[in-house]
C-alpha cells in the first residue's frame, strides 16, 4: 500500500513522508485558482521516505490554496491533498 503523509504544506514549500522508492509528483492551486508552477517533478523518495518541493511564491489572493501529491510505488498509486494559507 502506498501512503503519503504531509510533513509540510506552506505556500512555496511541500514536504511528505512516503514509501522508500515511491515516485511522486506534486501540484496544486493558489487561492486565486491558478495552478502552482515551478515544481520539479517527478521525485523519488530516498531511504528515509522523504520528498520535498519548493516553488516560487508569486502574487496571489489571500486565502486557502491546495497542494496535491500523487505517488506510485510497487504498482500502486494514491493521491493526497493538503491545504495551505496565504496571507491573513
N, C-alpha and C. Protein backbone atom coordinates (compact mmCIF):
# COMPACT_ATOMS: atom_id res chain seq x y z
N UNK A 1 0.83 -1.18 0.00
CA UNK A 1 0.00 0.00 0.00
C UNK A 1 0.88 1.24 0.00
N UNK A 2 0.52 2.21 -0.82
CA UNK A 2 1.24 3.48 -0.87
C UNK A 2 0.65 4.42 0.17
N UNK A 3 1.51 5.03 0.98
CA UNK A 3 1.00 6.02 1.93
C UNK A 3 1.68 7.35 1.67
N UNK A 4 0.96 8.42 1.95
CA UNK A 4 1.51 9.78 1.87
C UNK A 4 1.10 10.51 3.13
N UNK A 5 2.09 11.06 3.82
CA UNK A 5 1.82 11.90 4.98
C UNK A 5 2.49 13.24 4.73
N UNK A 6 1.71 14.32 4.75
CA UNK A 6 2.29 15.64 4.60
C UNK A 6 3.03 16.01 5.87
N UNK A 7 4.29 16.44 5.71
CA UNK A 7 5.07 16.95 6.83
C UNK A 7 5.18 18.46 6.78
N UNK A 8 4.89 19.04 5.58
CA UNK A 8 4.85 20.49 5.41
C UNK A 8 3.91 20.83 4.28
N UNK A 9 3.08 21.84 4.49
CA UNK A 9 2.19 22.35 3.45
C UNK A 9 2.06 23.86 3.66
N UNK A 10 3.06 24.58 3.16
CA UNK A 10 3.12 26.03 3.28
C UNK A 10 3.26 26.61 1.87
N UNK A 11 2.81 27.83 1.68
CA UNK A 11 2.95 28.46 0.38
C UNK A 11 4.43 28.51 0.00
N UNK A 12 4.79 27.82 -1.06
CA UNK A 12 6.17 27.76 -1.52
C UNK A 12 6.91 26.50 -1.12
N UNK A 13 6.35 25.71 -0.21
CA UNK A 13 7.03 24.51 0.30
C UNK A 13 6.06 23.35 0.50
N UNK A 14 6.48 22.17 0.07
CA UNK A 14 5.72 20.93 0.31
C UNK A 14 6.70 19.89 0.83
N UNK A 15 6.31 19.16 1.85
CA UNK A 15 7.11 18.05 2.35
C UNK A 15 6.21 16.87 2.61
N UNK A 16 6.68 15.67 2.24
CA UNK A 16 5.90 14.46 2.51
C UNK A 16 6.80 13.34 3.04
N UNK A 17 6.14 12.37 3.63
CA UNK A 17 6.75 11.11 4.01
C UNK A 17 5.97 10.03 3.27
N UNK A 18 6.68 9.11 2.61
CA UNK A 18 6.03 8.07 1.82
C UNK A 18 6.91 6.82 1.81
N UNK A 19 6.53 5.85 1.01
CA UNK A 19 7.30 4.62 0.90
C UNK A 19 8.66 4.91 0.25
N UNK A 20 9.71 4.27 0.74
CA UNK A 20 11.03 4.36 0.12
C UNK A 20 10.93 3.90 -1.33
N UNK A 21 11.44 4.73 -2.23
CA UNK A 21 11.41 4.39 -3.65
C UNK A 21 10.16 4.82 -4.39
N UNK A 22 9.19 5.38 -3.69
CA UNK A 22 7.97 5.86 -4.36
C UNK A 22 8.31 7.00 -5.30
N UNK A 23 7.64 7.04 -6.45
CA UNK A 23 7.81 8.11 -7.43
C UNK A 23 6.61 9.05 -7.28
N UNK A 24 6.88 10.32 -7.00
CA UNK A 24 5.81 11.25 -6.67
C UNK A 24 5.86 12.52 -7.50
N UNK A 25 4.68 13.07 -7.75
CA UNK A 25 4.50 14.34 -8.45
C UNK A 25 3.65 15.25 -7.58
N UNK A 26 4.02 16.52 -7.53
CA UNK A 26 3.28 17.50 -6.74
C UNK A 26 2.69 18.57 -7.65
N UNK A 27 1.58 19.13 -7.22
CA UNK A 27 0.93 20.23 -7.92
C UNK A 27 -0.04 20.89 -6.98
N UNK A 28 -0.94 21.67 -7.53
CA UNK A 28 -1.96 22.30 -6.70
C UNK A 28 -2.40 23.62 -7.28
N UNK A 29 -3.14 24.35 -6.44
CA UNK A 29 -3.73 25.62 -6.85
C UNK A 29 -3.53 26.67 -5.78
N UNK A 30 -3.30 27.90 -6.23
CA UNK A 30 -3.24 29.05 -5.32
C UNK A 30 -4.67 29.45 -4.93
N UNK A 31 -4.81 30.31 -3.92
CA UNK A 31 -6.16 30.75 -3.53
C UNK A 31 -6.96 31.41 -4.66
N UNK A 32 -6.27 32.02 -5.64
CA UNK A 32 -6.99 32.65 -6.75
C UNK A 32 -7.39 31.64 -7.84
N UNK A 33 -7.06 30.35 -7.61
CA UNK A 33 -7.44 29.30 -8.55
C UNK A 33 -6.38 28.96 -9.58
N UNK A 34 -5.32 29.75 -9.68
CA UNK A 34 -4.27 29.48 -10.66
C UNK A 34 -3.42 28.28 -10.21
N UNK A 35 -2.87 27.58 -11.20
CA UNK A 35 -2.05 26.40 -10.92
C UNK A 35 -0.68 26.80 -10.39
N UNK A 36 -0.15 25.99 -9.47
CA UNK A 36 1.21 26.20 -8.99
C UNK A 36 2.17 25.87 -10.13
N UNK A 37 3.26 26.61 -10.23
CA UNK A 37 4.27 26.38 -11.26
C UNK A 37 5.64 26.28 -10.62
N UNK A 38 6.59 25.73 -11.36
CA UNK A 38 7.97 25.67 -10.88
C UNK A 38 8.29 24.47 -10.01
N UNK A 39 7.39 23.49 -9.96
CA UNK A 39 7.64 22.29 -9.16
C UNK A 39 8.46 21.29 -9.97
N UNK A 40 9.52 20.75 -9.38
CA UNK A 40 10.36 19.76 -10.04
C UNK A 40 9.72 18.37 -9.87
N UNK A 41 9.22 17.82 -10.96
CA UNK A 41 8.57 16.51 -10.95
C UNK A 41 9.16 15.62 -12.03
N UNK A 42 9.14 14.30 -11.85
CA UNK A 42 8.82 13.59 -10.60
C UNK A 42 10.01 13.56 -9.67
N UNK A 43 9.76 13.17 -8.43
CA UNK A 43 10.81 12.97 -7.45
C UNK A 43 10.65 11.59 -6.85
N UNK A 44 11.77 11.01 -6.43
CA UNK A 44 11.79 9.66 -5.87
C UNK A 44 12.16 9.73 -4.40
N UNK A 45 11.38 9.06 -3.55
CA UNK A 45 11.65 9.05 -2.11
C UNK A 45 12.92 8.26 -1.82
N UNK A 46 13.80 8.86 -1.03
CA UNK A 46 15.04 8.21 -0.64
C UNK A 46 14.83 7.19 0.46
N UNK A 47 15.91 6.71 1.05
CA UNK A 47 15.83 5.67 2.08
C UNK A 47 14.99 6.06 3.30
N UNK A 48 14.93 7.38 3.59
CA UNK A 48 14.14 7.83 4.74
C UNK A 48 12.68 8.11 4.37
N UNK A 49 12.33 7.96 3.07
CA UNK A 49 10.95 8.12 2.64
C UNK A 49 10.49 9.56 2.48
N UNK A 50 11.43 10.52 2.56
CA UNK A 50 11.01 11.92 2.48
C UNK A 50 11.22 12.49 1.07
N UNK A 51 10.35 13.42 0.72
CA UNK A 51 10.49 14.21 -0.50
C UNK A 51 10.05 15.63 -0.15
N UNK A 52 10.75 16.61 -0.72
CA UNK A 52 10.32 17.99 -0.54
C UNK A 52 10.39 18.72 -1.87
N UNK A 53 9.50 19.67 -2.02
CA UNK A 53 9.44 20.53 -3.20
C UNK A 53 9.43 21.97 -2.73
N UNK A 54 9.99 22.85 -3.52
CA UNK A 54 9.83 24.29 -3.31
C UNK A 54 9.46 24.90 -4.66
N UNK A 55 8.75 26.01 -4.61
CA UNK A 55 8.31 26.67 -5.83
C UNK A 55 8.15 28.16 -5.53
N UNK A 56 8.16 28.99 -6.58
CA UNK A 56 8.07 30.45 -6.38
C UNK A 56 6.75 30.87 -5.76
N UNK A 57 6.82 31.80 -4.83
CA UNK A 57 5.62 32.38 -4.21
C UNK A 57 5.22 33.62 -5.01
N UNK A 58 4.49 33.40 -6.09
CA UNK A 58 4.04 34.53 -6.91
C UNK A 58 2.84 35.19 -6.24
N UNK A 59 2.58 36.43 -6.64
CA UNK A 59 1.47 37.18 -6.06
C UNK A 59 0.14 36.47 -6.31
N UNK A 60 -0.68 36.40 -5.28
CA UNK A 60 -1.98 35.75 -5.37
C UNK A 60 -2.91 36.35 -4.33
N UNK A 61 -4.17 35.98 -4.38
CA UNK A 61 -5.13 36.43 -3.38
C UNK A 61 -4.82 35.79 -2.03
N UNK A 62 -5.25 36.43 -0.95
CA UNK A 62 -5.13 35.79 0.35
C UNK A 62 -6.21 34.72 0.44
N UNK A 63 -5.97 33.72 1.27
CA UNK A 63 -6.95 32.65 1.44
C UNK A 63 -6.28 31.29 1.47
N UNK A 64 -7.05 30.27 1.11
CA UNK A 64 -6.59 28.89 1.19
C UNK A 64 -6.33 28.32 -0.19
N UNK A 65 -5.14 27.75 -0.36
CA UNK A 65 -4.79 27.03 -1.58
C UNK A 65 -4.72 25.54 -1.27
N UNK A 66 -4.36 24.74 -2.27
CA UNK A 66 -4.31 23.30 -2.07
C UNK A 66 -3.10 22.69 -2.76
N UNK A 67 -2.39 21.85 -2.01
CA UNK A 67 -1.31 21.04 -2.57
C UNK A 67 -1.86 19.64 -2.84
N UNK A 68 -1.48 19.07 -3.98
CA UNK A 68 -1.84 17.70 -4.33
C UNK A 68 -0.56 16.92 -4.61
N UNK A 69 -0.44 15.74 -4.03
CA UNK A 69 0.71 14.88 -4.28
C UNK A 69 0.21 13.51 -4.68
N UNK A 70 0.72 13.02 -5.81
CA UNK A 70 0.38 11.68 -6.30
C UNK A 70 1.65 10.84 -6.30
N UNK A 71 1.58 9.65 -5.70
CA UNK A 71 2.73 8.76 -5.62
C UNK A 71 2.38 7.38 -6.17
N UNK A 72 3.37 6.77 -6.82
CA UNK A 72 3.25 5.40 -7.31
C UNK A 72 4.38 4.59 -6.69
N UNK A 73 4.04 3.40 -6.22
CA UNK A 73 5.02 2.52 -5.60
C UNK A 73 4.55 1.08 -5.75
N UNK A 74 5.42 0.23 -6.23
CA UNK A 74 5.12 -1.20 -6.31
C UNK A 74 3.82 -1.47 -7.08
N UNK A 75 3.58 -0.69 -8.15
CA UNK A 75 2.39 -0.90 -8.97
C UNK A 75 1.11 -0.30 -8.43
N UNK A 76 1.19 0.40 -7.32
CA UNK A 76 0.01 1.02 -6.72
C UNK A 76 0.17 2.54 -6.73
N UNK A 77 -0.95 3.25 -6.79
CA UNK A 77 -0.92 4.71 -6.80
C UNK A 77 -1.91 5.28 -5.80
N UNK A 78 -1.60 6.47 -5.31
CA UNK A 78 -2.52 7.17 -4.43
C UNK A 78 -2.29 8.68 -4.56
N UNK A 79 -3.30 9.44 -4.23
CA UNK A 79 -3.24 10.90 -4.28
C UNK A 79 -3.75 11.45 -2.95
N UNK A 80 -3.02 12.40 -2.37
CA UNK A 80 -3.45 13.07 -1.16
C UNK A 80 -3.35 14.58 -1.37
N UNK A 81 -4.15 15.31 -0.63
CA UNK A 81 -4.15 16.77 -0.71
C UNK A 81 -4.04 17.37 0.68
N UNK A 82 -3.49 18.59 0.73
CA UNK A 82 -3.41 19.33 1.98
C UNK A 82 -3.57 20.81 1.68
N UNK A 83 -4.27 21.53 2.54
CA UNK A 83 -4.44 22.98 2.33
C UNK A 83 -3.22 23.76 2.76
N UNK A 84 -3.10 24.99 2.25
CA UNK A 84 -2.09 25.93 2.75
C UNK A 84 -2.72 27.32 2.74
N UNK A 85 -2.20 28.18 3.60
CA UNK A 85 -2.74 29.53 3.75
C UNK A 85 -1.81 30.56 3.13
N UNK A 86 -2.41 31.58 2.53
CA UNK A 86 -1.65 32.72 2.00
C UNK A 86 -2.21 33.97 2.68
N UNK A 87 -1.32 34.74 3.31
CA UNK A 87 -1.74 35.98 3.97
C UNK A 87 -2.57 35.72 5.20
N UNK A 88 -3.17 36.78 5.70
CA UNK A 88 -4.02 36.74 6.90
C UNK A 88 -3.24 36.10 8.00
